[in-house]
Amino acid sequence: MAVEVRFRPGARTDLFDLYTYIAAQSGRERAGSYIERIEAACMRLTHFPERGTRRDDLGPGLLRTVGFERRATIVFRVEKDAVDIVRILYGGRDLEMALRDT
């Protein structure tokens, strides 16, 4: 059964910041393409919400992470009828610190 995928405010901000950074370094076309691929990966969670690694060490509940193209980490929470994309972290960002800010 498919579930809804929702982007939380922190994840939306992460996508915007990531787009801005890549656009400045490599151009808007490359940035847009990268963001589209990340969003598509997030949307695939609608059919496979239990994918990724469960991360109870980062917070209570059903927090999970999945890598994206060896450069980003998608942090999400599985709810009964939805997947909430909590953060999208680029590079080697500290997950605990980023989630503390959320």
PDB file of N, CA and C in Angstrom:
ATOM      1  N   MET A   1       0.840  -1.181   0.000  1.00  0.00           N
ATOM      2  CA  MET A   1       0.000   0.000   0.000  1.00  0.00           C
ATOM      3  C   MET A   1       0.889   1.250   0.000  1.00  0.00           C
ATOM      4  N   ALA A   2       0.609   2.160  -0.884  1.00  0.00           N
ATOM      5  CA  ALA A   2       1.381   3.396  -0.985  1.00  0.00           C
ATOM      6  C   ALA A   2       0.974   4.377   0.112  1.00  0.00           C
ATOM      7  N   VAL A   3       1.943   5.115   0.598  1.00  0.00           N
ATOM      8  CA  VAL A   3       1.702   6.144   1.610  1.00  0.00           C
ATOM      9  C   VAL A   3       2.099   7.499   1.024  1.00  0.00           C
ATOM     10  N   GLU A   4       1.648   8.552   1.657  1.00  0.00           N
ATOM     11  CA  GLU A   4       1.972   9.906   1.231  1.00  0.00           C
ATOM     12  C   GLU A   4       3.387  10.269   1.684  1.00  0.00           C
ATOM     13  N   VAL A   5       4.102  11.009   0.856  1.00  0.00           N
ATOM     14  CA  VAL A   5       5.409  11.544   1.236  1.00  0.00           C
ATOM     15  C   VAL A   5       5.255  13.041   1.455  1.00  0.00           C
ATOM     16  N   ARG A   6       5.693  13.495   2.646  1.00  0.00           N
ATOM     17  CA  ARG A   6       5.582  14.918   2.992  1.00  0.00           C
ATOM     18  C   ARG A   6       6.972  15.457   3.322  1.00  0.00           C
ATOM     19  N   PHE A   7       7.251  16.659   2.843  1.00  0.00           N
ATOM     20  CA  PHE A   7       8.522  17.313   3.129  1.00  0.00           C
ATOM     21  C   PHE A   7       8.315  18.291   4.271  1.00  0.00           C
ATOM     22  N   ARG A   8       8.988  18.061   5.390  1.00  0.00           N
ATOM     23  CA  ARG A   8       8.918  18.952   6.547  1.00  0.00           C
ATOM     24  C   ARG A   8       9.690  20.233   6.232  1.00  0.00           C
ATOM     25  N   PRO A   9       9.453  21.303   6.974  1.00  0.00           N
ATOM     26  CA  PRO A   9      10.126  22.586   6.689  1.00  0.00           C
ATOM     27  C   PRO A   9      11.651  22.486   6.645  1.00  0.00           C
ATOM     28  N   GLY A  10      12.256  21.720   7.534  1.00  0.00           N
ATOM     29  CA  GLY A  10      13.713  21.582   7.524  1.00  0.00           C
ATOM     30  C   GLY A  10      14.223  20.967   6.237  1.00  0.00           C
ATOM     31  N   ALA A  11      13.505  19.978   5.711  1.00  0.00           N
ATOM     32  CA  ALA A  11      13.900  19.334   4.454  1.00  0.00           C
ATOM     33  C   ALA A  11      13.741  20.302   3.281  1.00  0.00           C
ATOM     34  N   ARG A  12      12.676  21.090   3.291  1.00  0.00           N
ATOM     35  CA  ARG A  12      12.480  22.090   2.225  1.00  0.00           C
ATOM     36  C   ARG A  12      13.619  23.113   2.238  1.00  0.00           C
ATOM     37  N   THR A  13      13.995  23.555   3.419  1.00  0.00           N
ATOM     38  CA  THR A  13      15.104  24.498   3.542  1.00  0.00           C
ATOM     39  C   THR A  13      16.405  23.859   3.062  1.00  0.00           C
ATOM     40  N   ASP A  14      16.623  22.603   3.430  1.00  0.00           N
ATOM     41  CA  ASP A  14      17.823  21.896   2.981  1.00  0.00           C
ATOM     42  C   ASP A  14      17.888  21.840   1.461  1.00  0.00           C
ATOM     43  N   LEU A  15      16.765  21.535   0.806  1.00  0.00           N
ATOM     44  CA  LEU A  15      16.738  21.465  -0.659  1.00  0.00           C
ATOM     45  C   LEU A  15      17.042  22.829  -1.279  1.00  0.00           C
ATOM     46  N   PHE A  16      16.457  23.870  -0.719  1.00  0.00           N
ATOM     47  CA  PHE A  16      16.695  25.220  -1.228  1.00  0.00           C
ATOM     48  C   PHE A  16      18.174  25.593  -1.068  1.00  0.00           C
ATOM     49  N   ASP A  17      18.727  25.342   0.110  1.00  0.00           N
ATOM     50  CA  ASP A  17      20.133  25.664   0.361  1.00  0.00           C
ATOM     51  C   ASP A  17      21.058  24.860  -0.544  1.00  0.00           C
ATOM     52  N   LEU A  18      20.739  23.609  -0.739  1.00  0.00           N
ATOM     53  CA  LEU A  18      21.543  22.754  -1.600  1.00  0.00           C
ATOM     54  C   LEU A  18      21.491  23.239  -3.045  1.00  0.00           C
ATOM     55  N   TYR A  19      20.298  23.597  -3.512  1.00  0.00           N
ATOM     56  CA  TYR A  19      20.155  24.136  -4.865  1.00  0.00           C
ATOM     57  C   TYR A  19      21.003  25.405  -5.018  1.00  0.00           C
ATOM     58  N   THR A  20      20.914  26.301  -4.061  1.00  0.00           N
ATOM     59  CA  THR A  20      21.653  27.563  -4.114  1.00  0.00           C
ATOM     60  C   THR A  20      23.158  27.310  -4.179  1.00  0.00           C
ATOM     61  N   TYR A  21      23.637  26.394  -3.362  1.00  0.00           N
ATOM     62  CA  TYR A  21      25.065  26.083  -3.339  1.00  0.00           C
ATOM     63  C   TYR A  21      25.522  25.494  -4.678  1.00  0.00           C
ATOM     64  N   ILE A  22      24.814  24.482  -5.171  1.00  0.00           N
ATOM     65  CA  ILE A  22      25.219  23.827  -6.419  1.00  0.00           C
ATOM     66  C   ILE A  22      25.102  24.800  -7.592  1.00  0.00           C
ATOM     67  N   ALA A  23      24.064  25.609  -7.609  1.00  0.00           N
ATOM     68  CA  ALA A  23      23.891  26.577  -8.698  1.00  0.00           C
ATOM     69  C   ALA A  23      25.060  27.552  -8.746  1.00  0.00           C
ATOM     70  N   ALA A  24      25.527  27.985  -7.590  1.00  0.00           N
ATOM     71  CA  ALA A  24      26.655  28.919  -7.541  1.00  0.00           C
ATOM     72  C   ALA A  24      27.953  28.253  -8.003  1.00  0.00           C
ATOM     73  N   GLN A  25      28.099  26.966  -7.705  1.00  0.00           N
ATOM     74  CA  GLN A  25      29.324  26.245  -8.047  1.00  0.00           C
ATOM     75  C   GLN A  25      29.319  25.696  -9.476  1.00  0.00           C
ATOM     76  N   SER A  26      28.141  25.191  -9.919  1.00  0.00           N
ATOM     77  CA  SER A  26      28.088  24.430 -11.171  1.00  0.00           C
ATOM     78  C   SER A  26      26.974  24.833 -12.123  1.00  0.00           C
ATOM     79  N   GLY A  27      26.166  25.806 -11.747  1.00  0.00           N
ATOM     80  CA  GLY A  27      25.101  26.258 -12.637  1.00  0.00           C
ATOM     81  C   GLY A  27      23.727  25.767 -12.219  1.00  0.00           C
ATOM     82  N   ARG A  28      22.735  26.518 -12.653  1.00  0.00           N
ATOM     83  CA  ARG A  28      21.344  26.216 -12.268  1.00  0.00           C
ATOM     84  C   ARG A  28      20.835  24.911 -12.863  1.00  0.00           C
ATOM     85  N   GLU A  29      21.246  24.583 -14.080  1.00  0.00           N
ATOM     86  CA  GLU A  29      20.771  23.346 -14.708  1.00  0.00           C
ATOM     87  C   GLU A  29      21.228  22.122 -13.917  1.00  0.00           C
ATOM     88  N   ARG A  30      22.492  22.092 -13.546  1.00  0.00           N
ATOM     89  CA  ARG A  30      23.011  20.965 -12.767  1.00  0.00           C
ATOM     90  C   ARG A  30      22.345  20.920 -11.390  1.00  0.00           C
ATOM     91  N   ALA A  31      22.164  22.080 -10.772  1.00  0.00           N
ATOM     92  CA  ALA A  31      21.515  22.134  -9.461  1.00  0.00           C
ATOM     93  C   ALA A  31      20.084  21.615  -9.543  1.00  0.00           C
ATOM     94  N   GLY A  32      19.347  22.070 -10.545  1.00  0.00           N
ATOM     95  CA  GLY A  32      17.965  21.626 -10.712  1.00  0.00           C
ATOM     96  C   GLY A  32      17.867  20.131 -10.941  1.00  0.00           C
ATOM     97  N   SER A  33      18.774  19.591 -11.744  1.00  0.00           N
ATOM     98  CA  SER A  33      18.780  18.158 -12.015  1.00  0.00           C
ATOM     99  C   SER A  33      19.045  17.356 -10.740  1.00  0.00           C
ATOM    100  N   TYR A  34      19.980  17.822  -9.927  1.00  0.00           N
ATOM    101  CA  TYR A  34      20.318  17.127  -8.688  1.00  0.00           C
ATOM    102  C   TYR A  34      19.141  17.137  -7.717  1.00  0.00           C
ATOM    103  N   ILE A  35      18.513  18.286  -7.575  1.00  0.00           N
ATOM    104  CA  ILE A  35      17.359  18.400  -6.673  1.00  0.00           C
ATOM    105  C   ILE A  35      16.216  17.510  -7.154  1.00  0.00           C
ATOM    106  N   GLU A  36      15.989  17.464  -8.452  1.00  0.00           N
ATOM    107  CA  GLU A  36      14.941  16.587  -8.996  1.00  0.00           C
ATOM    108  C   GLU A  36      15.222  15.128  -8.655  1.00  0.00           C
ATOM    109  N   ARG A  37      16.479  14.703  -8.737  1.00  0.00           N
ATOM    110  CA  ARG A  37      16.821  13.318  -8.412  1.00  0.00           C
ATOM    111  C   ARG A  37      16.614  13.019  -6.929  1.00  0.00           C
ATOM    112  N   ILE A  38      16.963  13.977  -6.083  1.00  0.00           N
ATOM    113  CA  ILE A  38      16.731  13.781  -4.637  1.00  0.00           C
ATOM    114  C   ILE A  38      15.235  13.671  -4.365  1.00  0.00           C
ATOM    115  N   GLU A  39      14.446  14.565  -4.950  1.00  0.00           N
ATOM    116  CA  GLU A  39      12.998  14.526  -4.737  1.00  0.00           C
ATOM    117  C   GLU A  39      12.409  13.213  -5.245  1.00  0.00           C
ATOM    118  N   ALA A  40      12.898  12.723  -6.381  1.00  0.00           N
ATOM    119  CA  ALA A  40      12.412  11.441  -6.921  1.00  0.00           C
ATOM    120  C   ALA A  40      12.751  10.295  -5.966  1.00  0.00           C
ATOM    121  N   ALA A  41      13.952  10.330  -5.387  1.00  0.00           N
ATOM    122  CA  ALA A  41      14.338   9.290  -4.416  1.00  0.00           C
ATOM    123  C   ALA A  41      13.416   9.332  -3.201  1.00  0.00           C
ATOM    124  N   CYS A  42      13.086  10.532  -2.758  1.00  0.00           N
ATOM    125  CA  CYS A  42      12.160  10.674  -1.626  1.00  0.00           C
ATOM    126  C   CYS A  42      10.783  10.126  -1.983  1.00  0.00           C
ATOM    127  N   MET A  43      10.322  10.417  -3.176  1.00  0.00           N
ATOM    128  CA  MET A  43       8.989   9.973  -3.586  1.00  0.00           C
ATOM    129  C   MET A  43       8.903   8.456  -3.727  1.00  0.00           C
ATOM    130  N   ARG A  44      10.031   7.796  -4.007  1.00  0.00           N
ATOM    131  CA  ARG A  44      10.023   6.325  -4.080  1.00  0.00           C
ATOM    132  C   ARG A  44       9.732   5.699  -2.721  1.00  0.00           C
ATOM    133  N   LEU A  45       9.915   6.463  -1.650  1.00  0.00           N
ATOM    134  CA  LEU A  45       9.596   5.945  -0.318  1.00  0.00           C
ATOM    135  C   LEU A  45       8.096   5.705  -0.151  1.00  0.00           C
ATOM    136  N   THR A  46       7.295   6.241  -1.039  1.00  0.00           N
ATOM    137  CA  THR A  46       5.850   6.030  -0.965  1.00  0.00           C
ATOM    138  C   THR A  46       5.503   4.535  -1.067  1.00  0.00           C
ATOM    139  N   HIS A  47       6.313   3.795  -1.820  1.00  0.00           N
ATOM    140  CA  HIS A  47       6.050   2.354  -1.986  1.00  0.00           C
ATOM    141  C   HIS A  47       6.905   1.483  -1.070  1.00  0.00           C
ATOM    142  N   PHE A  48       8.025   2.019  -0.597  1.00  0.00           N
ATOM    143  CA  PHE A  48       8.932   1.260   0.258  1.00  0.00           C
ATOM    144  C   PHE A  48       9.341   2.102   1.474  1.00  0.00           C
ATOM    145  N   PRO A  49       8.395   2.426   2.347  1.00  0.00           N
ATOM    146  CA  PRO A  49       8.703   3.335   3.467  1.00  0.00           C
ATOM    147  C   PRO A  49       9.648   2.757   4.511  1.00  0.00           C
ATOM    148  N   GLU A  50       9.796   1.463   4.576  1.00  0.00           N
ATOM    149  CA  GLU A  50      10.667   0.854   5.578  1.00  0.00           C
ATOM    150  C   GLU A  50      12.103   0.719   5.085  1.00  0.00           C
ATOM    151  N   ARG A  51      12.404   1.321   3.970  1.00  0.00           N
ATOM    152  CA  ARG A  51      13.740   1.287   3.389  1.00  0.00           C
ATOM    153  C   ARG A  51      14.726   2.055   4.277  1.00  0.00           C
ATOM    154  N   GLY A  52      15.986   1.808   4.112  1.00  0.00           N
ATOM    155  CA  GLY A  52      16.984   2.568   4.847  1.00  0.00           C
ATOM    156  C   GLY A  52      17.333   1.936   6.184  1.00  0.00           C
ATOM    157  N   THR A  53      18.060   2.695   6.972  1.00  0.00           N
ATOM    158  CA  THR A  53      18.541   2.229   8.269  1.00  0.00           C
ATOM    159  C   THR A  53      17.757   2.896   9.381  1.00  0.00           C
ATOM    160  N   ARG A  54      17.215   2.086  10.265  1.00  0.00           N
ATOM    161  CA  ARG A  54      16.505   2.621  11.425  1.00  0.00           C
ATOM    162  C   ARG A  54      17.516   3.276  12.357  1.00  0.00           C
ATOM    163  N   ARG A  55      17.208   4.491  12.832  1.00  0.00           N
ATOM    164  CA  ARG A  55      18.153   5.261  13.633  1.00  0.00           C
ATOM    165  C   ARG A  55      17.540   5.693  14.959  1.00  0.00           C
ATOM    166  N   ASP A  56      17.230   4.743  15.797  1.00  0.00           N
ATOM    167  CA  ASP A  56      16.688   5.052  17.119  1.00  0.00           C
ATOM    168  C   ASP A  56      17.697   5.812  17.979  1.00  0.00           C
ATOM    169  N   ASP A  57      18.981   5.723  17.625  1.00  0.00           N
ATOM    170  CA  ASP A  57      20.007   6.441  18.369  1.00  0.00           C
ATOM    171  C   ASP A  57      19.910   7.960  18.168  1.00  0.00           C
ATOM    172  N   LEU A  58      19.236   8.387  17.113  1.00  0.00           N
ATOM    173  CA  LEU A  58      19.101   9.816  16.819  1.00  0.00           C
ATOM    174  C   LEU A  58      17.831  10.438  17.387  1.00  0.00           C
ATOM    175  N   GLY A  59      16.904   9.618  17.796  1.00  0.00           N
ATOM    176  CA  GLY A  59      15.666  10.145  18.350  1.00  0.00           C
ATOM    177  C   GLY A  59      14.622   9.057  18.450  1.00  0.00           C
ATOM    178  N   PRO A  60      13.652   9.262  19.293  1.00  0.00           N
ATOM    179  CA  PRO A  60      12.617   8.248  19.480  1.00  0.00           C
ATOM    180  C   PRO A  60      11.721   8.138  18.253  1.00  0.00           C
ATOM    181  N   GLY A  61      11.110   6.999  18.110  1.00  0.00           N
ATOM    182  CA  GLY A  61      10.171   6.816  17.008  1.00  0.00           C
ATOM    183  C   GLY A  61      10.791   6.042  15.873  1.00  0.00           C
ATOM    184  N   LEU A  62      10.258   6.258  14.716  1.00  0.00           N
ATOM    185  CA  LEU A  62      10.656   5.476  13.549  1.00  0.00           C
ATOM    186  C   LEU A  62      11.556   6.277  12.610  1.00  0.00           C
ATOM    187  N   LEU A  63      12.553   6.934  13.147  1.00  0.00           N
ATOM    188  CA  LEU A  63      13.469   7.724  12.348  1.00  0.00           C
ATOM    189  C   LEU A  63      14.383   6.789  11.559  1.00  0.00           C
ATOM    190  N   ARG A  64      14.546   7.098  10.267  1.00  0.00           N
ATOM    191  CA  ARG A  64      15.366   6.272   9.386  1.00  0.00           C
ATOM    192  C   ARG A  64      16.234   7.168   8.514  1.00  0.00           C
ATOM    193  N   THR A  65      17.305   6.601   7.973  1.00  0.00           N
ATOM    194  CA  THR A  65      18.148   7.334   7.023  1.00  0.00           C
ATOM    195  C   THR A  65      18.413   6.454   5.812  1.00  0.00           C
ATOM    196  N   VAL A  66      18.613   7.125   4.692  1.00  0.00           N
ATOM    197  CA  VAL A  66      19.012   6.426   3.473  1.00  0.00           C
ATOM    198  C   VAL A  66      19.969   7.348   2.729  1.00  0.00           C
ATOM    199  N   GLY A  67      21.036   6.764   2.203  1.00  0.00           N
ATOM    200  CA  GLY A  67      22.004   7.545   1.449  1.00  0.00           C
ATOM    201  C   GLY A  67      21.496   7.843   0.053  1.00  0.00           C
ATOM    202  N   PHE A  68      21.983   8.945  -0.494  1.00  0.00           N
ATOM    203  CA  PHE A  68      21.625   9.326  -1.855  1.00  0.00           C
ATOM    204  C   PHE A  68      22.892   9.683  -2.624  1.00  0.00           C
ATOM    205  N   GLU A  69      23.182   8.906  -3.642  1.00  0.00           N
ATOM    206  CA  GLU A  69      24.316   9.136  -4.547  1.00  0.00           C
ATOM    207  C   GLU A  69      25.626   9.401  -3.802  1.00  0.00           C
ATOM    208  N   ARG A  70      25.815   8.754  -2.687  1.00  0.00           N
ATOM    209  CA  ARG A  70      27.046   8.832  -1.892  1.00  0.00           C
ATOM    210  C   ARG A  70      27.392  10.241  -1.418  1.00  0.00           C
ATOM    211  N   ARG A  71      26.481  11.189  -1.535  1.00  0.00           N
ATOM    212  CA  ARG A  71      26.785  12.561  -1.145  1.00  0.00           C
ATOM    213  C   ARG A  71      25.780  13.151  -0.172  1.00  0.00           C
ATOM    214  N   ALA A  72      24.604  12.596  -0.124  1.00  0.00           N
ATOM    215  CA  ALA A  72      23.557  13.166   0.725  1.00  0.00           C
ATOM    216  C   ALA A  72      22.920  12.059   1.562  1.00  0.00           C
ATOM    217  N   THR A  73      22.313  12.472   2.656  1.00  0.00           N
ATOM    218  CA  THR A  73      21.569  11.558   3.517  1.00  0.00           C
ATOM    219  C   THR A  73      20.155  12.088   3.667  1.00  0.00           C
ATOM    220  N   ILE A  74      19.193  11.249   3.357  1.00  0.00           N
ATOM    221  CA  ILE A  74      17.778  11.596   3.521  1.00  0.00           C
ATOM    222  C   ILE A  74      17.351  11.045   4.882  1.00  0.00           C
ATOM    223  N   VAL A  75      16.865  11.929   5.737  1.00  0.00           N
ATOM    224  CA  VAL A  75      16.410  11.549   7.076  1.00  0.00           C
ATOM    225  C   VAL A  75      14.889  11.626   7.061  1.00  0.00           C
ATOM    226  N   PHE A  76      14.239  10.529   7.433  1.00  0.00           N
ATOM    227  CA  PHE A  76      12.777  10.505   7.367  1.00  0.00           C
ATOM    228  C   PHE A  76      12.181   9.722   8.513  1.00  0.00           C
ATOM    229  N   ARG A  77      10.911   9.983   8.748  1.00  0.00           N
ATOM    230  CA  ARG A  77      10.159   9.315   9.805  1.00  0.00           C
ATOM    231  C   ARG A  77       8.961   8.623   9.153  1.00  0.00           C
ATOM    232  N   VAL A  78       8.783   7.354   9.490  1.00  0.00           N
ATOM    233  CA  VAL A  78       7.668   6.581   8.958  1.00  0.00           C
ATOM    234  C   VAL A  78       6.495   6.709   9.922  1.00  0.00           C
ATOM    235  N   GLU A  79       5.413   7.237   9.425  1.00  0.00           N
ATOM    236  CA  GLU A  79       4.172   7.344  10.192  1.00  0.00           C
ATOM    237  C   GLU A  79       3.208   6.262   9.689  1.00  0.00           C
ATOM    238  N   LYS A  80       2.045   6.185  10.271  1.00  0.00           N
ATOM    239  CA  LYS A  80       1.081   5.150   9.891  1.00  0.00           C
ATOM    240  C   LYS A  80       0.688   5.251   8.421  1.00  0.00           C
ATOM    241  N   ASP A  81       0.401   6.458   7.944  1.00  0.00           N
ATOM    242  CA  ASP A  81      -0.076   6.623   6.574  1.00  0.00           C
ATOM    243  C   ASP A  81       0.771   7.594   5.754  1.00  0.00           C
ATOM    244  N   ALA A  82       1.982   7.894   6.240  1.00  0.00           N
ATOM    245  CA  ALA A  82       2.825   8.856   5.525  1.00  0.00           C
ATOM    246  C   ALA A  82       4.297   8.654   5.880  1.00  0.00           C
ATOM    247  N   VAL A  83       5.137   9.208   5.025  1.00  0.00           N
ATOM    248  CA  VAL A  83       6.565   9.310   5.289  1.00  0.00           C
ATOM    249  C   VAL A  83       6.878  10.795   5.341  1.00  0.00           C
ATOM    250  N   ASP A  84       7.430  11.243   6.459  1.00  0.00           N
ATOM    251  CA  ASP A  84       7.833  12.640   6.607  1.00  0.00           C
ATOM    252  C   ASP A  84       9.327  12.745   6.349  1.00  0.00           C
ATOM    253  N   ILE A  85       9.699  13.503   5.318  1.00  0.00           N
ATOM    254  CA  ILE A  85      11.101  13.769   5.049  1.00  0.00           C
ATOM    255  C   ILE A  85      11.500  14.879   6.020  1.00  0.00           C
ATOM    256  N   VAL A  86      12.366  14.561   6.960  1.00  0.00           N
ATOM    257  CA  VAL A  86      12.717  15.474   8.044  1.00  0.00           C
ATOM    258  C   VAL A  86      13.858  16.399   7.632  1.00  0.00           C
ATOM    259  N   ARG A  87      14.916  15.844   7.090  1.00  0.00           N
ATOM    260  CA  ARG A  87      16.080  16.623   6.655  1.00  0.00           C
ATOM    261  C   ARG A  87      16.710  15.948   5.451  1.00  0.00           C
ATOM    262  N   ILE A  88      17.442  16.718   4.679  1.00  0.00           N
ATOM    263  CA  ILE A  88      18.259  16.206   3.589  1.00  0.00           C
ATOM    264  C   ILE A  88      19.623  16.851   3.776  1.00  0.00           C
ATOM    265  N   LEU A  89      20.588  16.043   4.205  1.00  0.00           N
ATOM    266  CA  LEU A  89      21.883  16.563   4.611  1.00  0.00           C
ATOM    267  C   LEU A  89      22.940  16.202   3.577  1.00  0.00           C
ATOM    268  N   TYR A  90      23.703  17.192   3.173  1.00  0.00           N
ATOM    269  CA  TYR A  90      24.716  17.010   2.142  1.00  0.00           C
ATOM    270  C   TYR A  90      26.094  16.823   2.771  1.00  0.00           C
ATOM    271  N   GLY A  91      26.886  16.005   2.146  1.00  0.00           N
ATOM    272  CA  GLY A  91      28.245  15.803   2.618  1.00  0.00           C
ATOM    273  C   GLY A  91      28.280  15.058   3.933  1.00  0.00           C
ATOM    274  N   GLY A  92      29.259  15.323   4.722  1.00  0.00           N
ATOM    275  CA  GLY A  92      29.446  14.614   5.981  1.00  0.00           C
ATOM    276  C   GLY A  92      28.866  15.351   7.171  1.00  0.00           C
ATOM    277  N   ARG A  93      27.752  16.047   6.982  1.00  0.00           N
ATOM    278  CA  ARG A  93      27.167  16.796   8.102  1.00  0.00           C
ATOM    279  C   ARG A  93      26.830  15.879   9.264  1.00  0.00           C
ATOM    280  N   ASP A  94      26.965  16.394  10.446  1.00  0.00           N
ATOM    281  CA  ASP A  94      26.691  15.673  11.687  1.00  0.00           C
ATOM    282  C   ASP A  94      25.175  15.530  11.853  1.00  0.00           C
ATOM    283  N   LEU A  95      24.682  14.298  11.787  1.00  0.00           N
ATOM    284  CA  LEU A  95      23.240  14.055  11.885  1.00  0.00           C
ATOM    285  C   LEU A  95      22.670  14.519  13.218  1.00  0.00           C
ATOM    286  N   GLU A  96      23.355  14.198  14.297  1.00  0.00           N
ATOM    287  CA  GLU A  96      22.843  14.580  15.617  1.00  0.00           C
ATOM    288  C   GLU A  96      22.704  16.087  15.748  1.00  0.00           C
ATOM    289  N   MET A  97      23.705  16.817  15.318  1.00  0.00           N
ATOM    290  CA  MET A  97      23.678  18.276  15.401  1.00  0.00           C
ATOM    291  C   MET A  97      22.570  18.845  14.502  1.00  0.00           C
ATOM    292  N   ALA A  98      22.453  18.331  13.297  1.00  0.00           N
ATOM    293  CA  ALA A  98      21.421  18.824  12.360  1.00  0.00           C
ATOM    294  C   ALA A  98      20.020  18.566  12.893  1.00  0.00           C
ATOM    295  N   LEU A  99      19.815  17.407  13.496  1.00  0.00           N
ATOM    296  CA  LEU A  99      18.487  17.086  14.018  1.00  0.00           C
ATOM    297  C   LEU A  99      18.189  17.871  15.284  1.00  0.00           C
ATOM    298  N   ARG A 100      19.191  18.211  16.026  1.00  0.00           N
ATOM    299  CA  ARG A 100      18.997  19.044  17.214  1.00  0.00           C
ATOM    300  C   ARG A 100      18.473  20.419  16.816  1.00  0.00           C
ATOM    301  N   ASP A 101      18.903  20.910  15.647  1.00  0.00           N
ATOM    302  CA  ASP A 101      18.476  22.206  15.152  1.00  0.00           C
ATOM    303  C   ASP A 101      17.070  22.181  14.566  1.00  0.00           C
ATOM    304  N   THR A 102      16.527  20.975  14.328  1.00  0.00           N
ATOM    305  CA  THR A 102      15.236  20.836  13.657  1.00  0.00           C
ATOM    306  C   THR A 102      14.082  21.088  14.605  1.00  0.00           C
TER     307      THR A 102
END
